[in-house]
């Protein structure tokens, strides 16, 4: 649905449902701002860019694995 007027909203809603399974919550005040329930990890998704705030690199690696597992990102070696 690239280019559709509601594609960003639908993608965000789908991502929120998937991340909820992994204990991430989306902010009620700021769309696209997610934080983990127990880990000091939060990130902001704006269109197709991530801004990640973290304390331990292992938390970021966990987030990357979740996103890769659900086909939201790919990485290049």
PDB file of N, CA and C in Angstrom:
ATOM      1  N   UNK A   1       0.819  -1.192   0.000  1.00  0.00           N
ATOM      2  CA  UNK A   1       0.000   0.000   0.000  1.00  0.00           C
ATOM      3  C   UNK A   1       0.858   1.247   0.000  1.00  0.00           C
ATOM      4  N   UNK A   2       2.055   1.148  -0.531  1.00  0.00           N
ATOM      5  CA  UNK A   2       2.962   2.283  -0.583  1.00  0.00           C
ATOM      6  C   UNK A   2       2.277   3.453  -1.267  1.00  0.00           C
ATOM      7  N   UNK A   3       2.329   4.615  -0.615  1.00  0.00           N
ATOM      8  CA  UNK A   3       1.765   5.820  -1.193  1.00  0.00           C
ATOM      9  C   UNK A   3       0.310   6.060  -0.841  1.00  0.00           C
ATOM     10  N   UNK A   4      -0.359   5.077  -0.291  1.00  0.00           N
ATOM     11  CA  UNK A   4      -1.755   5.263   0.117  1.00  0.00           C
ATOM     12  C   UNK A   4      -1.804   6.212   1.308  1.00  0.00           C
ATOM     13  N   UNK A   5      -2.848   6.992   1.401  1.00  0.00           N
ATOM     14  CA  UNK A   5      -2.913   8.031   2.432  1.00  0.00           C
ATOM     15  C   UNK A   5      -2.942   7.486   3.858  1.00  0.00           C
ATOM     16  N   UNK A   6      -3.404   6.266   4.059  1.00  0.00           N
ATOM     17  CA  UNK A   6      -3.463   5.707   5.408  1.00  0.00           C
ATOM     18  C   UNK A   6      -2.449   4.582   5.635  1.00  0.00           C
ATOM     19  N   UNK A   7      -1.539   4.374   4.695  1.00  0.00           N
ATOM     20  CA  UNK A   7      -0.600   3.260   4.835  1.00  0.00           C
ATOM     21  C   UNK A   7       0.297   3.400   6.065  1.00  0.00           C
ATOM     22  N   UNK A   8       0.732   4.609   6.383  1.00  0.00           N
ATOM     23  CA  UNK A   8       1.559   4.820   7.566  1.00  0.00           C
ATOM     24  C   UNK A   8       0.821   4.493   8.848  1.00  0.00           C
ATOM     25  N   UNK A   9      -0.422   4.907   8.920  1.00  0.00           N
ATOM     26  CA  UNK A   9      -1.245   4.642  10.103  1.00  0.00           C
ATOM     27  C   UNK A   9      -1.475   3.139  10.263  1.00  0.00           C
ATOM     28  N   UNK A  10      -1.791   2.462   9.173  1.00  0.00           N
ATOM     29  CA  UNK A  10      -2.036   1.019   9.246  1.00  0.00           C
ATOM     30  C   UNK A  10      -0.776   0.254   9.624  1.00  0.00           C
ATOM     31  N   UNK A  11       0.354   0.675   9.084  1.00  0.00           N
ATOM     32  CA  UNK A  11       1.619   0.026   9.422  1.00  0.00           C
ATOM     33  C   UNK A  11       1.946   0.226  10.893  1.00  0.00           C
ATOM     34  N   UNK A  12       1.721   1.436  11.399  1.00  0.00           N
ATOM     35  CA  UNK A  12       1.966   1.722  12.803  1.00  0.00           C
ATOM     36  C   UNK A  12       1.074   0.871  13.694  1.00  0.00           C
ATOM     37  N   UNK A  13      -0.190   0.732  13.341  1.00  0.00           N
ATOM     38  CA  UNK A  13      -1.112  -0.082  14.136  1.00  0.00           C
ATOM     39  C   UNK A  13      -0.680  -1.552  14.145  1.00  0.00           C
ATOM     40  N   UNK A  14      -0.262  -2.063  12.998  1.00  0.00           N
ATOM     41  CA  UNK A  14       0.198  -3.455  12.904  1.00  0.00           C
ATOM     42  C   UNK A  14       1.454  -3.657  13.744  1.00  0.00           C
ATOM     43  N   UNK A  15       2.377  -2.711  13.655  1.00  0.00           N
ATOM     44  CA  UNK A  15       3.612  -2.796  14.433  1.00  0.00           C
ATOM     45  C   UNK A  15       3.306  -2.760  15.925  1.00  0.00           C
ATOM     46  N   UNK A  16       2.378  -1.918  16.348  1.00  0.00           N
ATOM     47  CA  UNK A  16       2.020  -1.819  17.770  1.00  0.00           C
ATOM     48  C   UNK A  16       1.476  -3.148  18.292  1.00  0.00           C
ATOM     49  N   UNK A  17       0.668  -3.832  17.497  1.00  0.00           N
ATOM     50  CA  UNK A  17       0.119  -5.131  17.898  1.00  0.00           C
ATOM     51  C   UNK A  17       1.234  -6.159  18.042  1.00  0.00           C
ATOM     52  N   UNK A  18       2.150  -6.181  17.090  1.00  0.00           N
ATOM     53  CA  UNK A  18       3.265  -7.138  17.142  1.00  0.00           C
ATOM     54  C   UNK A  18       4.163  -6.849  18.340  1.00  0.00           C
ATOM     55  N   UNK A  19       4.527  -5.587  18.541  1.00  0.00           N
ATOM     56  CA  UNK A  19       5.433  -5.236  19.631  1.00  0.00           C
ATOM     57  C   UNK A  19       4.809  -5.462  21.008  1.00  0.00           C
ATOM     58  N   UNK A  20       3.504  -5.367  21.097  1.00  0.00           N
ATOM     59  CA  UNK A  20       2.832  -5.615  22.377  1.00  0.00           C
ATOM     60  C   UNK A  20       3.106  -7.041  22.863  1.00  0.00           C
ATOM     61  N   UNK A  21       3.230  -7.986  21.930  1.00  0.00           N
ATOM     62  CA  UNK A  21       3.537  -9.382  22.267  1.00  0.00           C
ATOM     63  C   UNK A  21       4.910  -9.513  22.923  1.00  0.00           C
ATOM     64  N   UNK A  22       5.782  -8.532  22.673  1.00  0.00           N
ATOM     65  CA  UNK A  22       7.147  -8.538  23.203  1.00  0.00           C
ATOM     66  C   UNK A  22       7.312  -7.505  24.322  1.00  0.00           C
ATOM     67  N   UNK A  23       6.223  -7.095  24.926  1.00  0.00           N
ATOM     68  CA  UNK A  23       6.197  -6.170  26.068  1.00  0.00           C
ATOM     69  C   UNK A  23       6.598  -4.735  25.735  1.00  0.00           C
ATOM     70  N   UNK A  24       6.345  -4.307  24.506  1.00  0.00           N
ATOM     71  CA  UNK A  24       6.529  -2.904  24.145  1.00  0.00           C
ATOM     72  C   UNK A  24       5.171  -2.210  24.191  1.00  0.00           C
ATOM     73  N   UNK A  25       5.187  -0.948  24.598  1.00  0.00           N
ATOM     74  CA  UNK A  25       3.963  -0.153  24.651  1.00  0.00           C
ATOM     75  C   UNK A  25       4.180   1.114  23.825  1.00  0.00           C
ATOM     76  N   UNK A  26       3.123   1.527  23.131  1.00  0.00           N
ATOM     77  CA  UNK A  26       3.196   2.790  22.398  1.00  0.00           C
ATOM     78  C   UNK A  26       2.660   3.903  23.302  1.00  0.00           C
ATOM     79  N   UNK A  27       3.292   5.033  23.251  1.00  0.00           N
ATOM     80  CA  UNK A  27       2.873   6.186  24.045  1.00  0.00           C
ATOM     81  C   UNK A  27       1.457   6.615  23.662  1.00  0.00           C
ATOM     82  N   UNK A  28       0.689   7.000  24.659  1.00  0.00           N
ATOM     83  CA  UNK A  28      -0.645   7.538  24.404  1.00  0.00           C
ATOM     84  C   UNK A  28      -0.578   8.962  23.871  1.00  0.00           C
ATOM     85  N   UNK A  29       0.531   9.633  24.127  1.00  0.00           N
ATOM     86  CA  UNK A  29       0.666  11.039  23.740  1.00  0.00           C
ATOM     87  C   UNK A  29       1.418  11.257  22.435  1.00  0.00           C
ATOM     88  N   UNK A  30       2.366  10.359  22.144  1.00  0.00           N
ATOM     89  CA  UNK A  30       3.221  10.556  20.971  1.00  0.00           C
ATOM     90  C   UNK A  30       3.159   9.310  20.093  1.00  0.00           C
ATOM     91  N   UNK A  31       2.512   9.428  18.954  1.00  0.00           N
ATOM     92  CA  UNK A  31       2.419   8.302  18.022  1.00  0.00           C
ATOM     93  C   UNK A  31       3.813   7.925  17.530  1.00  0.00           C
ATOM     94  N   UNK A  32       4.091   6.633  17.526  1.00  0.00           N
ATOM     95  CA  UNK A  32       5.386   6.166  17.044  1.00  0.00           C
ATOM     96  C   UNK A  32       6.442   6.047  18.116  1.00  0.00           C
ATOM     97  N   UNK A  33       6.134   6.483  19.348  1.00  0.00           N
ATOM     98  CA  UNK A  33       7.084   6.366  20.450  1.00  0.00           C
ATOM     99  C   UNK A  33       6.737   5.110  21.247  1.00  0.00           C
ATOM    100  N   UNK A  34       7.672   4.177  21.273  1.00  0.00           N
ATOM    101  CA  UNK A  34       7.479   2.909  21.961  1.00  0.00           C
ATOM    102  C   UNK A  34       8.500   2.779  23.082  1.00  0.00           C
ATOM    103  N   UNK A  35       8.101   2.109  24.151  1.00  0.00           N
ATOM    104  CA  UNK A  35       9.034   1.794  25.222  1.00  0.00           C
ATOM    105  C   UNK A  35       8.747   0.378  25.701  1.00  0.00           C
ATOM    106  N   UNK A  36       9.763  -0.233  26.304  1.00  0.00           N
ATOM    107  CA  UNK A  36       9.619  -1.587  26.816  1.00  0.00           C
ATOM    108  C   UNK A  36       9.130  -1.514  28.255  1.00  0.00           C
ATOM    109  N   UNK A  37       8.310  -2.482  28.651  1.00  0.00           N
ATOM    110  CA  UNK A  37       7.723  -2.467  29.995  1.00  0.00           C
ATOM    111  C   UNK A  37       8.762  -2.635  31.091  1.00  0.00           C
ATOM    112  N   UNK A  38       9.800  -3.450  30.869  1.00  0.00           N
ATOM    113  CA  UNK A  38      10.760  -3.738  31.933  1.00  0.00           C
ATOM    114  C   UNK A  38      12.193  -3.338  31.624  1.00  0.00           C
ATOM    115  N   UNK A  39      12.529  -3.172  30.371  1.00  0.00           N
ATOM    116  CA  UNK A  39      13.901  -2.815  29.995  1.00  0.00           C
ATOM    117  C   UNK A  39      14.013  -1.321  29.725  1.00  0.00           C
ATOM    118  N   UNK A  40      15.176  -0.740  30.018  1.00  0.00           N
ATOM    119  CA  UNK A  40      15.366   0.685  29.729  1.00  0.00           C
ATOM    120  C   UNK A  40      15.653   0.896  28.242  1.00  0.00           C
ATOM    121  N   UNK A  41      14.601   0.750  27.440  1.00  0.00           N
ATOM    122  CA  UNK A  41      14.735   0.842  25.987  1.00  0.00           C
ATOM    123  C   UNK A  41      13.502   1.540  25.443  1.00  0.00           C
ATOM    124  N   UNK A  42      13.711   2.546  24.630  1.00  0.00           N
ATOM    125  CA  UNK A  42      12.602   3.204  23.945  1.00  0.00           C
ATOM    126  C   UNK A  42      13.071   3.585  22.551  1.00  0.00           C
ATOM    127  N   UNK A  43      12.111   3.698  21.649  1.00  0.00           N
ATOM    128  CA  UNK A  43      12.472   4.118  20.299  1.00  0.00           C
ATOM    129  C   UNK A  43      11.322   4.874  19.672  1.00  0.00           C
ATOM    130  N   UNK A  44      11.673   5.689  18.711  1.00  0.00           N
ATOM    131  CA  UNK A  44      10.707   6.499  17.987  1.00  0.00           C
ATOM    132  C   UNK A  44      10.788   6.108  16.521  1.00  0.00           C
ATOM    133  N   UNK A  45       9.655   5.790  15.959  1.00  0.00           N
ATOM    134  CA  UNK A  45       9.580   5.446  14.535  1.00  0.00           C
ATOM    135  C   UNK A  45       8.883   6.582  13.806  1.00  0.00           C
ATOM    136  N   UNK A  46       9.604   7.203  12.868  1.00  0.00           N
ATOM    137  CA  UNK A  46       9.042   8.266  12.050  1.00  0.00           C
ATOM    138  C   UNK A  46       9.226   7.865  10.606  1.00  0.00           C
ATOM    139  N   UNK A  47       8.133   7.595   9.940  1.00  0.00           N
ATOM    140  CA  UNK A  47       8.085   7.106   8.563  1.00  0.00           C
ATOM    141  C   UNK A  47       8.897   5.821   8.469  1.00  0.00           C
ATOM    142  N   UNK A  48      10.149   5.887   8.064  1.00  0.00           N
ATOM    143  CA  UNK A  48      10.958   4.667   7.962  1.00  0.00           C
ATOM    144  C   UNK A  48      12.299   4.814   8.682  1.00  0.00           C
ATOM    145  N   UNK A  49      12.342   5.708   9.662  1.00  0.00           N
ATOM    146  CA  UNK A  49      13.562   5.932  10.433  1.00  0.00           C
ATOM    147  C   UNK A  49      13.316   5.614  11.905  1.00  0.00           C
ATOM    148  N   UNK A  50      14.314   4.980  12.532  1.00  0.00           N
ATOM    149  CA  UNK A  50      14.254   4.668  13.945  1.00  0.00           C
ATOM    150  C   UNK A  50      15.232   5.545  14.708  1.00  0.00           C
ATOM    151  N   UNK A  51      14.799   6.052  15.837  1.00  0.00           N
ATOM    152  CA  UNK A  51      15.688   6.678  16.803  1.00  0.00           C
ATOM    153  C   UNK A  51      15.577   5.850  18.072  1.00  0.00           C
ATOM    154  N   UNK A  52      16.681   5.291  18.547  1.00  0.00           N
ATOM    155  CA  UNK A  52      16.640   4.358  19.675  1.00  0.00           C
ATOM    156  C   UNK A  52      17.435   4.903  20.848  1.00  0.00           C
ATOM    157  N   UNK A  53      16.817   4.888  22.036  1.00  0.00           N
ATOM    158  CA  UNK A  53      17.491   5.247  23.270  1.00  0.00           C
ATOM    159  C   UNK A  53      17.630   3.969  24.086  1.00  0.00           C
ATOM    160  N   UNK A  54      18.857   3.666  24.514  1.00  0.00           N
ATOM    161  CA  UNK A  54      19.074   2.410  25.225  1.00  0.00           C
ATOM    162  C   UNK A  54      20.187   2.549  26.248  1.00  0.00           C
ATOM    163  N   UNK A  55      20.252   1.587  27.150  1.00  0.00           N
ATOM    164  CA  UNK A  55      21.307   1.544  28.151  1.00  0.00           C
ATOM    165  C   UNK A  55      22.307   0.444  27.796  1.00  0.00           C
ATOM    166  N   UNK A  56      21.791  -0.703  27.387  1.00  0.00           N
ATOM    167  CA  UNK A  56      22.638  -1.845  27.036  1.00  0.00           C
ATOM    168  C   UNK A  56      22.448  -2.216  25.573  1.00  0.00           C
ATOM    169  N   UNK A  57      23.534  -2.532  24.904  1.00  0.00           N
ATOM    170  CA  UNK A  57      23.475  -2.919  23.501  1.00  0.00           C
ATOM    171  C   UNK A  57      22.624  -4.173  23.308  1.00  0.00           C
ATOM    172  N   UNK A  58      22.609  -5.070  24.289  1.00  0.00           N
ATOM    173  CA  UNK A  58      21.833  -6.304  24.170  1.00  0.00           C
ATOM    174  C   UNK A  58      20.343  -6.014  24.004  1.00  0.00           C
ATOM    175  N   UNK A  59      19.846  -4.923  24.584  1.00  0.00           N
ATOM    176  CA  UNK A  59      18.436  -4.569  24.440  1.00  0.00           C
ATOM    177  C   UNK A  59      18.122  -4.152  23.010  1.00  0.00           C
ATOM    178  N   UNK A  60      19.041  -3.432  22.404  1.00  0.00           N
ATOM    179  CA  UNK A  60      18.868  -3.031  21.009  1.00  0.00           C
ATOM    180  C   UNK A  60      18.901  -4.260  20.111  1.00  0.00           C
ATOM    181  N   UNK A  61      19.813  -5.177  20.391  1.00  0.00           N
ATOM    182  CA  UNK A  61      19.894  -6.407  19.597  1.00  0.00           C
ATOM    183  C   UNK A  61      18.609  -7.209  19.706  1.00  0.00           C
ATOM    184  N   UNK A  62      17.993  -7.221  20.874  1.00  0.00           N
ATOM    185  CA  UNK A  62      16.714  -7.898  21.070  1.00  0.00           C
ATOM    186  C   UNK A  62      15.629  -7.241  20.209  1.00  0.00           C
ATOM    187  N   UNK A  63      15.578  -5.915  20.205  1.00  0.00           N
ATOM    188  CA  UNK A  63      14.615  -5.192  19.382  1.00  0.00           C
ATOM    189  C   UNK A  63      14.837  -5.498  17.906  1.00  0.00           C
ATOM    190  N   UNK A  64      16.079  -5.509  17.472  1.00  0.00           N
ATOM    191  CA  UNK A  64      16.396  -5.814  16.074  1.00  0.00           C
ATOM    192  C   UNK A  64      15.917  -7.215  15.714  1.00  0.00           C
ATOM    193  N   UNK A  65      16.128  -8.178  16.586  1.00  0.00           N
ATOM    194  CA  UNK A  65      15.669  -9.545  16.330  1.00  0.00           C
ATOM    195  C   UNK A  65      14.149  -9.607  16.203  1.00  0.00           C
ATOM    196  N   UNK A  66      13.440  -8.893  17.066  1.00  0.00           N
ATOM    197  CA  UNK A  66      11.976  -8.863  16.997  1.00  0.00           C
ATOM    198  C   UNK A  66      11.532  -8.289  15.654  1.00  0.00           C
ATOM    199  N   UNK A  67      12.132  -7.182  15.244  1.00  0.00           N
ATOM    200  CA  UNK A  67      11.752  -6.535  13.994  1.00  0.00           C
ATOM    201  C   UNK A  67      12.121  -7.384  12.782  1.00  0.00           C
ATOM    202  N   UNK A  68      13.267  -8.052  12.821  1.00  0.00           N
ATOM    203  CA  UNK A  68      13.648  -8.936  11.725  1.00  0.00           C
ATOM    204  C   UNK A  68      12.718 -10.142  11.645  1.00  0.00           C
ATOM    205  N   UNK A  69      12.416 -10.723  12.794  1.00  0.00           N
ATOM    206  CA  UNK A  69      11.550 -11.899  12.847  1.00  0.00           C
ATOM    207  C   UNK A  69      10.168 -11.604  12.237  1.00  0.00           C
ATOM    208  N   UNK A  70       9.718 -10.385  12.384  1.00  0.00           N
ATOM    209  CA  UNK A  70       8.408  -9.990  11.884  1.00  0.00           C
ATOM    210  C   UNK A  70       8.486  -9.240  10.557  1.00  0.00           C
ATOM    211  N   UNK A  71       9.631  -9.324   9.885  1.00  0.00           N
ATOM    212  CA  UNK A  71       9.837  -8.757   8.549  1.00  0.00           C
ATOM    213  C   UNK A  71       9.639  -7.245   8.459  1.00  0.00           C
ATOM    214  N   UNK A  72      10.004  -6.532   9.539  1.00  0.00           N
ATOM    215  CA  UNK A  72       9.955  -5.079   9.507  1.00  0.00           C
ATOM    216  C   UNK A  72      11.264  -4.459   9.076  1.00  0.00           C
ATOM    217  N   UNK A  73      12.367  -5.161   9.299  1.00  0.00           N
ATOM    218  CA  UNK A  73      13.659  -4.645   8.859  1.00  0.00           C
ATOM    219  C   UNK A  73      14.496  -5.784   8.308  1.00  0.00           C
ATOM    220  N   UNK A  74      15.443  -5.425   7.495  1.00  0.00           N
ATOM    221  CA  UNK A  74      16.476  -6.361   7.050  1.00  0.00           C
ATOM    222  C   UNK A  74      17.804  -5.692   7.312  1.00  0.00           C
ATOM    223  N   UNK A  75      18.823  -6.489   7.500  1.00  0.00           N
ATOM    224  CA  UNK A  75      20.158  -5.933   7.712  1.00  0.00           C
ATOM    225  C   UNK A  75      21.084  -6.476   6.650  1.00  0.00           C
ATOM    226  N   UNK A  76      22.109  -5.717   6.386  1.00  0.00           N
ATOM    227  CA  UNK A  76      23.134  -6.144   5.443  1.00  0.00           C
ATOM    228  C   UNK A  76      24.398  -6.421   6.201  1.00  0.00           C
ATOM    229  N   UNK A  77      25.085  -7.492   5.847  1.00  0.00           N
ATOM    230  CA  UNK A  77      26.351  -7.833   6.488  1.00  0.00           C
ATOM    231  C   UNK A  77      27.485  -6.989   5.976  1.00  0.00           C
TER     232      UNK A  77
END
